[in-house]
Protein backbone atom coordinates (compact mmCIF):
# COMPACT_ATOMS: atom_id res chain seq x y z
CA MET A 1 -78.02 -156.71 -8.56
CA ASN A 2 -79.51 -159.35 -6.30
CA SER A 3 -82.79 -160.10 -8.02
CA GLU A 4 -83.09 -163.71 -9.16
CA HIS A 5 -84.05 -162.43 -12.61
CA GLN A 6 -80.58 -160.98 -13.05
CA TYR A 7 -78.87 -164.37 -12.84
CA VAL A 8 -78.88 -167.38 -15.15
CA GLN A 9 -78.43 -170.90 -13.82
CA LEU A 10 -75.59 -172.83 -15.41
CA SER A 11 -75.88 -176.56 -16.17
CA ASP A 12 -73.68 -177.39 -13.16
CA GLY A 13 -76.03 -175.60 -10.73
CA HIS A 14 -74.00 -172.40 -10.25
CA PHE A 15 -75.49 -169.00 -11.15
CA ILE A 16 -73.92 -166.41 -13.45
CA PRO A 17 -74.98 -162.72 -13.38
CA ARG A 18 -76.61 -161.80 -16.69
CA LEU A 19 -74.56 -158.62 -17.04
CA GLY A 20 -70.77 -158.67 -16.78
CA PHE A 21 -68.01 -156.09 -16.71
CA GLY A 22 -65.26 -156.64 -19.33
CA THR A 23 -61.67 -155.74 -18.44
CA TYR A 24 -59.68 -156.03 -21.69
CA LYS A 25 -57.64 -152.92 -22.52
CA LEU A 26 -54.78 -151.89 -24.77
CA LYS A 27 -51.19 -152.02 -23.48
CA GLU A 28 -50.81 -148.24 -23.82
CA VAL A 29 -53.70 -147.61 -21.39
CA PRO A 30 -52.20 -147.42 -17.87
CA ASN A 31 -53.04 -150.43 -15.69
CA SER A 32 -54.17 -148.04 -12.94
CA LYS A 33 -57.21 -147.29 -15.15
CA THR A 34 -58.28 -150.93 -14.78
CA VAL A 35 -58.11 -150.73 -10.97
CA GLU A 36 -60.19 -147.54 -11.00
CA ALA A 37 -62.79 -148.80 -13.52
CA THR A 38 -63.24 -152.16 -11.77
CA LYS A 39 -63.85 -150.41 -8.44
CA ILE A 40 -66.40 -148.10 -10.08
CA ALA A 41 -68.11 -151.12 -11.71
CA ILE A 42 -68.45 -152.94 -8.37
CA GLU A 43 -69.72 -149.78 -6.65
CA ALA A 44 -72.27 -149.32 -9.48
CA GLY A 45 -73.59 -152.87 -8.95
CA PHE A 46 -71.62 -155.12 -11.31
CA ARG A 47 -70.99 -158.50 -9.71
CA HIS A 48 -69.71 -160.39 -12.76
CA ILE A 49 -66.12 -159.49 -13.72
CA ASP A 50 -64.71 -160.96 -16.95
CA CYS A 51 -60.93 -161.13 -17.37
CA ALA A 52 -58.24 -163.44 -18.81
CA TYR A 53 -54.60 -164.40 -18.40
CA VAL A 54 -53.73 -162.81 -21.77
CA TYR A 55 -55.25 -159.41 -20.79
CA GLN A 56 -52.36 -158.99 -18.33
CA VAL A 57 -54.44 -156.99 -15.84
CA GLU A 58 -55.42 -159.72 -13.37
CA GLU A 59 -53.22 -158.22 -10.67
CA GLU A 60 -55.06 -154.90 -11.02
CA VAL A 61 -58.51 -156.51 -11.15
CA GLY A 62 -57.68 -158.59 -8.07
CA LEU A 63 -56.53 -155.44 -6.26
CA ALA A 64 -59.80 -153.65 -7.11
CA VAL A 65 -61.97 -156.59 -6.01
CA ARG A 66 -60.05 -157.07 -2.77
CA SER A 67 -60.30 -153.36 -1.93
CA LYS A 68 -64.10 -153.53 -2.36
CA ILE A 69 -64.18 -156.62 -0.11
CA GLU A 70 -62.06 -154.85 2.50
CA ASP A 71 -64.30 -151.75 2.57
CA GLY A 72 -67.40 -153.94 3.00
CA THR A 73 -69.00 -153.23 -0.41
CA VAL A 74 -69.00 -156.95 -1.33
CA LYS A 75 -67.91 -160.37 -0.08
CA ARG A 76 -65.81 -162.66 -2.28
CA GLU A 77 -68.82 -164.93 -2.83
CA ASP A 78 -70.81 -161.94 -4.23
CA ILE A 79 -68.33 -161.62 -7.10
CA PHE A 80 -68.53 -163.94 -10.12
CA TYR A 81 -65.04 -163.87 -11.59
CA THR A 82 -64.13 -165.33 -14.98
CA SER A 83 -60.59 -166.06 -16.18
CA LYS A 84 -59.38 -167.83 -19.32
CA LEU A 85 -56.74 -170.37 -20.25
CA TRP A 86 -54.37 -168.87 -22.81
CA SER A 87 -53.38 -170.75 -25.97
CA THR A 88 -49.74 -171.30 -24.92
CA PHE A 89 -50.98 -173.42 -21.98
CA HIS A 90 -53.18 -175.94 -23.83
CA HIS A 91 -50.89 -178.86 -23.05
CA PRO A 92 -52.69 -180.92 -20.35
CA ASN A 93 -49.66 -180.62 -18.04
CA LEU A 94 -49.77 -176.80 -18.27
CA VAL A 95 -53.49 -176.06 -17.91
CA GLN A 96 -53.57 -175.92 -14.12
CA SER A 97 -50.35 -173.88 -13.99
CA CYS A 98 -51.98 -171.13 -16.09
CA LEU A 99 -54.92 -170.99 -13.70
CA GLU A 100 -52.58 -170.99 -10.71
CA ARG A 101 -50.69 -168.03 -12.20
CA SER A 102 -53.97 -166.13 -12.52
CA LEU A 103 -54.98 -167.00 -8.95
CA LYS A 104 -51.61 -165.85 -7.65
CA LYS A 105 -51.96 -162.49 -9.41
CA LEU A 106 -55.53 -162.09 -8.20
CA ARG A 107 -54.76 -163.41 -4.71
CA PHE A 108 -57.94 -165.51 -4.94
CA ASP A 109 -58.43 -169.15 -3.89
CA TYR A 110 -60.64 -169.94 -6.87
CA VAL A 111 -62.26 -168.48 -9.99
CA ASP A 112 -66.00 -168.84 -10.57
CA LEU A 113 -65.58 -169.64 -14.25
CA TYR A 114 -62.56 -170.80 -16.24
CA LEU A 115 -62.71 -170.85 -20.03
CA ILE A 116 -60.53 -172.18 -22.83
CA HIS A 117 -59.94 -168.76 -24.41
CA PHE A 118 -59.44 -169.88 -28.02
CA PRO A 119 -59.62 -173.33 -29.64
CA ILE A 120 -56.09 -173.06 -31.07
CA ALA A 121 -52.98 -174.23 -29.19
CA MET A 122 -49.74 -172.26 -29.55
CA LYS A 123 -46.17 -173.19 -28.73
CA PRO A 124 -45.72 -173.21 -24.92
CA GLY A 125 -43.48 -170.55 -23.39
CA GLU A 126 -43.56 -167.07 -21.89
CA GLU A 127 -44.38 -165.30 -25.19
CA LEU A 128 -48.12 -164.70 -25.50
CA TYR A 129 -47.95 -164.88 -29.32
CA PRO A 130 -44.91 -167.05 -30.23
CA LYS A 131 -43.83 -166.28 -33.81
CA ASP A 132 -41.29 -167.67 -36.27
CA GLU A 133 -38.75 -165.58 -38.21
CA ASN A 134 -41.44 -164.74 -40.78
CA GLY A 135 -43.77 -163.36 -38.13
CA LYS A 136 -46.13 -166.34 -38.34
CA ILE A 137 -47.65 -167.74 -35.14
CA ILE A 138 -46.07 -171.03 -34.03
CA TYR A 139 -48.81 -173.53 -33.24
CA ASP A 140 -48.82 -176.61 -31.07
CA SER A 141 -50.64 -179.73 -32.29
CA LEU A 142 -52.93 -180.78 -29.46
CA ASP A 143 -56.28 -182.44 -29.12
CA LEU A 144 -58.84 -180.02 -27.62
CA CYS A 145 -60.36 -182.96 -25.74
CA ALA A 146 -57.09 -183.53 -23.87
CA THR A 147 -57.07 -179.85 -22.87
CA TRP A 148 -60.68 -180.19 -21.74
CA GLU A 149 -59.83 -183.16 -19.49
CA ALA A 150 -57.22 -180.96 -17.76
CA MET A 151 -59.92 -178.26 -17.35
CA GLU A 152 -62.13 -180.86 -15.65
CA LYS A 153 -59.28 -181.55 -13.19
CA CYS A 154 -59.16 -177.82 -12.32
CA LYS A 155 -62.84 -178.03 -11.37
CA ASP A 156 -62.26 -181.20 -9.34
CA ALA A 157 -59.38 -179.48 -7.52
CA GLY A 158 -61.73 -176.65 -6.51
CA LEU A 159 -59.69 -174.04 -8.40
CA ALA A 160 -62.60 -173.27 -10.75
CA LYS A 161 -66.25 -173.63 -9.78
CA SER A 162 -67.42 -173.87 -13.39
CA ILE A 163 -65.64 -174.52 -16.70
CA GLY A 164 -66.49 -173.52 -20.23
CA VAL A 165 -65.12 -172.33 -23.56
CA SER A 166 -64.75 -169.17 -25.63
CA ASN A 167 -64.70 -168.57 -29.40
CA PHE A 168 -65.79 -172.16 -30.14
CA ASN A 169 -68.00 -172.95 -33.11
CA ARG A 170 -70.63 -175.70 -33.19
CA ARG A 171 -68.21 -178.33 -34.52
CA GLN A 172 -65.73 -177.67 -31.71
CA LEU A 173 -68.46 -177.73 -29.06
CA GLU A 174 -69.68 -181.06 -30.40
CA MET A 175 -66.14 -182.44 -30.23
CA ILE A 176 -66.15 -181.79 -26.46
CA LEU A 177 -69.78 -182.84 -25.92
CA ASN A 178 -69.22 -186.16 -27.73
CA LYS A 179 -65.91 -186.90 -26.00
CA PRO A 180 -65.90 -190.44 -24.53
CA GLY A 181 -65.82 -190.26 -20.72
CA LEU A 182 -66.88 -186.59 -20.58
CA LYS A 183 -67.13 -185.64 -16.92
CA TYR A 184 -68.35 -182.04 -17.16
CA LYS A 185 -69.75 -180.34 -20.23
CA PRO A 186 -68.92 -176.70 -20.93
CA VAL A 187 -71.40 -174.49 -19.06
CA CYS A 188 -70.98 -171.61 -21.52
CA ASN A 189 -69.45 -170.43 -24.78
CA GLN A 190 -68.25 -166.82 -24.85
CA VAL A 191 -68.30 -165.40 -28.38
CA GLU A 192 -68.51 -162.11 -30.26
CA CYS A 193 -72.21 -161.33 -30.43
CA HIS A 194 -74.05 -158.08 -31.26
CA VAL A 195 -76.86 -156.84 -33.49
CA TYR A 196 -74.61 -157.06 -36.59
CA HIS A 197 -73.64 -160.64 -35.73
CA ASN A 198 -76.41 -162.06 -33.58
CA GLN A 199 -75.18 -165.69 -33.64
CA ARG A 200 -78.76 -166.97 -34.01
CA LYS A 201 -77.80 -170.52 -35.10
CA LEU A 202 -75.05 -170.89 -32.50
CA LEU A 203 -77.38 -169.51 -29.81
CA ASP A 204 -80.10 -172.03 -30.74
CA PHE A 205 -77.57 -174.86 -30.71
CA CYS A 206 -76.18 -173.80 -27.32
CA LYS A 207 -79.69 -173.52 -25.84
CA SER A 208 -80.47 -177.03 -27.09
CA LYS A 209 -77.42 -178.33 -25.18
CA ASP A 210 -78.03 -176.22 -22.02
CA ILE A 211 -74.91 -174.13 -22.73
CA VAL A 212 -75.18 -170.42 -21.93
CA LEU A 213 -74.02 -168.03 -24.65
CA VAL A 214 -71.96 -165.12 -23.27
CA ALA A 215 -71.61 -162.12 -25.59
CA TYR A 216 -68.48 -160.01 -25.93
CA GLY A 217 -68.33 -157.04 -28.29
CA ALA A 218 -72.05 -156.43 -27.70
CA LEU A 219 -71.50 -152.68 -28.15
CA GLY A 220 -69.43 -153.13 -31.30
CA THR A 221 -66.13 -153.52 -29.40
CA GLN A 222 -63.80 -150.64 -28.41
CA ARG A 223 -62.59 -150.64 -32.06
CA TYR A 224 -58.95 -151.24 -31.11
CA LYS A 225 -56.74 -150.79 -34.17
CA GLU A 226 -54.78 -154.00 -33.62
CA TRP A 227 -57.95 -156.11 -33.97
CA VAL A 228 -60.61 -154.08 -35.75
CA ASP A 229 -60.72 -152.63 -39.29
CA GLN A 230 -61.17 -148.90 -38.73
CA ASN A 231 -63.41 -148.70 -41.82
CA SER A 232 -65.95 -151.07 -40.25
CA PRO A 233 -69.34 -149.59 -39.31
CA VAL A 234 -69.68 -148.02 -35.85
CA LEU A 235 -72.38 -150.16 -34.29
CA LEU A 236 -73.68 -147.57 -31.80
CA ASP A 237 -74.15 -145.07 -34.66
CA ASP A 238 -76.69 -147.37 -36.32
CA PRO A 239 -79.87 -145.35 -37.04
CA VAL A 240 -82.14 -148.25 -35.97
CA LEU A 241 -80.46 -148.39 -32.56
CA GLY A 242 -80.73 -144.60 -32.44
CA ALA A 243 -84.47 -144.63 -33.17
CA LEU A 244 -85.13 -147.28 -30.50
CA ALA A 245 -82.98 -145.35 -28.04
CA LYS A 246 -85.16 -142.29 -28.66
CA LYS A 247 -88.34 -144.34 -28.28
CA HIS A 248 -87.28 -145.80 -24.92
CA LYS A 249 -85.43 -142.66 -23.74
CA ARG A 250 -82.26 -144.70 -23.34
CA SER A 251 -78.84 -144.73 -25.02
CA PRO A 252 -78.08 -146.90 -28.10
CA ALA A 253 -75.66 -148.87 -25.86
CA LEU A 254 -78.47 -149.80 -23.46
CA ILE A 255 -80.67 -150.92 -26.37
CA ALA A 256 -77.82 -153.13 -27.67
CA LEU A 257 -77.27 -154.68 -24.22
CA ARG A 258 -80.99 -155.15 -23.49
CA TYR A 259 -81.42 -156.96 -26.82
CA GLN A 260 -78.99 -159.65 -25.67
CA LEU A 261 -80.58 -160.09 -22.25
CA GLN A 262 -84.02 -160.65 -23.77
CA ARG A 263 -82.58 -163.36 -26.03
CA GLY A 264 -81.30 -165.25 -22.99
CA VAL A 265 -77.69 -164.22 -23.63
CA VAL A 266 -75.34 -163.21 -20.79
CA VAL A 267 -73.79 -159.95 -21.93
CA LEU A 268 -70.48 -158.22 -21.17
CA ALA A 269 -70.14 -154.44 -21.21
CA GLN A 270 -66.68 -152.89 -21.31
CA SER A 271 -65.74 -149.32 -20.53
CA LEU A 272 -63.15 -147.35 -18.58
CA LYS A 273 -65.43 -144.29 -18.31
CA GLU A 274 -67.36 -143.79 -15.08
CA ASN A 275 -70.50 -142.37 -16.74
CA GLU A 276 -70.69 -145.29 -19.22
CA ILE A 277 -70.09 -147.93 -16.53
CA LYS A 278 -72.88 -146.44 -14.39
CA GLU A 279 -75.19 -146.19 -17.38
CA ASN A 280 -74.65 -149.80 -18.54
CA ILE A 281 -75.95 -151.22 -15.25
CA GLN A 282 -79.33 -149.57 -15.96
CA VAL A 283 -80.12 -152.24 -18.55
CA PHE A 284 -82.60 -153.88 -16.16
CA ASP A 285 -84.81 -150.79 -15.86
CA PHE A 286 -86.76 -151.18 -19.11
CA GLU A 287 -87.94 -153.72 -21.67
CA LEU A 288 -87.96 -153.95 -25.46
CA THR A 289 -91.19 -155.00 -27.17
CA GLU A 290 -91.51 -158.06 -29.39
CA GLU A 291 -91.61 -155.72 -32.37
CA ASP A 292 -88.40 -153.96 -31.21
CA MET A 293 -86.69 -157.34 -30.94
CA LYS A 294 -87.73 -158.27 -34.50
CA VAL A 295 -86.41 -154.96 -35.81
CA LEU A 296 -83.07 -155.56 -34.07
CA ASP A 297 -82.92 -159.15 -35.38
CA GLY A 298 -83.18 -157.59 -38.84
CA LEU A 299 -79.86 -155.76 -38.36
CA ASN A 300 -77.89 -159.03 -38.49
CA ARG A 301 -75.32 -159.16 -41.28
CA ASN A 302 -72.96 -161.88 -39.92
CA PHE A 303 -70.31 -159.19 -39.52
CA ARG A 304 -67.39 -159.76 -37.14
CA TYR A 305 -65.30 -156.98 -35.67
CA VAL A 306 -62.71 -159.39 -34.23
CA ALA A 307 -61.82 -162.02 -36.84
CA MET A 308 -58.31 -163.06 -35.64
CA GLN A 309 -57.24 -163.35 -39.31
CA SER A 310 -53.64 -164.13 -38.32
CA MET A 311 -54.85 -167.60 -37.27
CA SER A 312 -57.16 -168.28 -40.22
CA ASP A 313 -54.66 -170.78 -41.68
CA HIS A 314 -55.17 -173.14 -38.72
CA PRO A 315 -57.56 -176.12 -39.10
CA ASN A 316 -59.16 -175.24 -35.74
CA TYR A 317 -59.80 -171.62 -36.77
CA PRO A 318 -63.31 -171.26 -35.33
CA PHE A 319 -64.68 -168.56 -37.63
CA ALA A 320 -64.36 -170.52 -40.89
CA ASP A 321 -67.72 -172.25 -40.27
CA GLU A 322 -70.90 -170.21 -40.30
CA TYR A 323 -71.55 -171.30 -36.73
């Protein structure tokens, strides 16, 4: 993965690999699986590792990366590592401490990309999802622009090479972009994006502002029960994806990933299975035709797998607007 065509330049001059390895997993999956899968991903050629404070596996990911550095597979500068600021740390005085916690777990000096994970602030504290006696999430009233200023300080301190956002809609992006005294604009916006929800309008808007769109859930997510309605359609079973997979002698997953790359989207692929991890890296070995791309565009139905409904009562809930 060292061809220049497999990287996208960010607005701050840094380069992000176009294909990333996602590390979210359920609590019941042993953390040792994350160590194993991350090592396999690096050996297979992945150089972009996407993680977050809230995933609670940064220690394991750091261990895997360091072991691949120690055995000479990669150098630290070969790895593009993303972490994310969790919602209980939005207060400007807490932003850097969240990043420092991640760095301590990873045993890294810096992250390559640091994102505001979600545009909603929650009550600070050790609970990841602070709730009241009725089971409702306890929010914190904070200005996203104040949080962004603290993100800028993390970049200035050299703790994060690039800074961006995740799960932001157009309105929230504009709030940051139009902030008086903006020092650094977000280099990317990581959102759910796949053939059933291709984010066309948001992608066009981001391109117009030189913001890279990063897609999670590109394979229809892992369909975890806590987030995803089990009656929702299985994306990789879609007959159109199946027909194109047959045509190109590839898997439906590779068609779904390739679709994003050809739209100029940086795409994350998540798996704990060795065969799938090794297969996903083969996305650069073929190309979809213009006609294929049109057919895949036609699958869009603005359908989200991960809607975070528990936060839909919040004014900053990002999925209320179309984009």
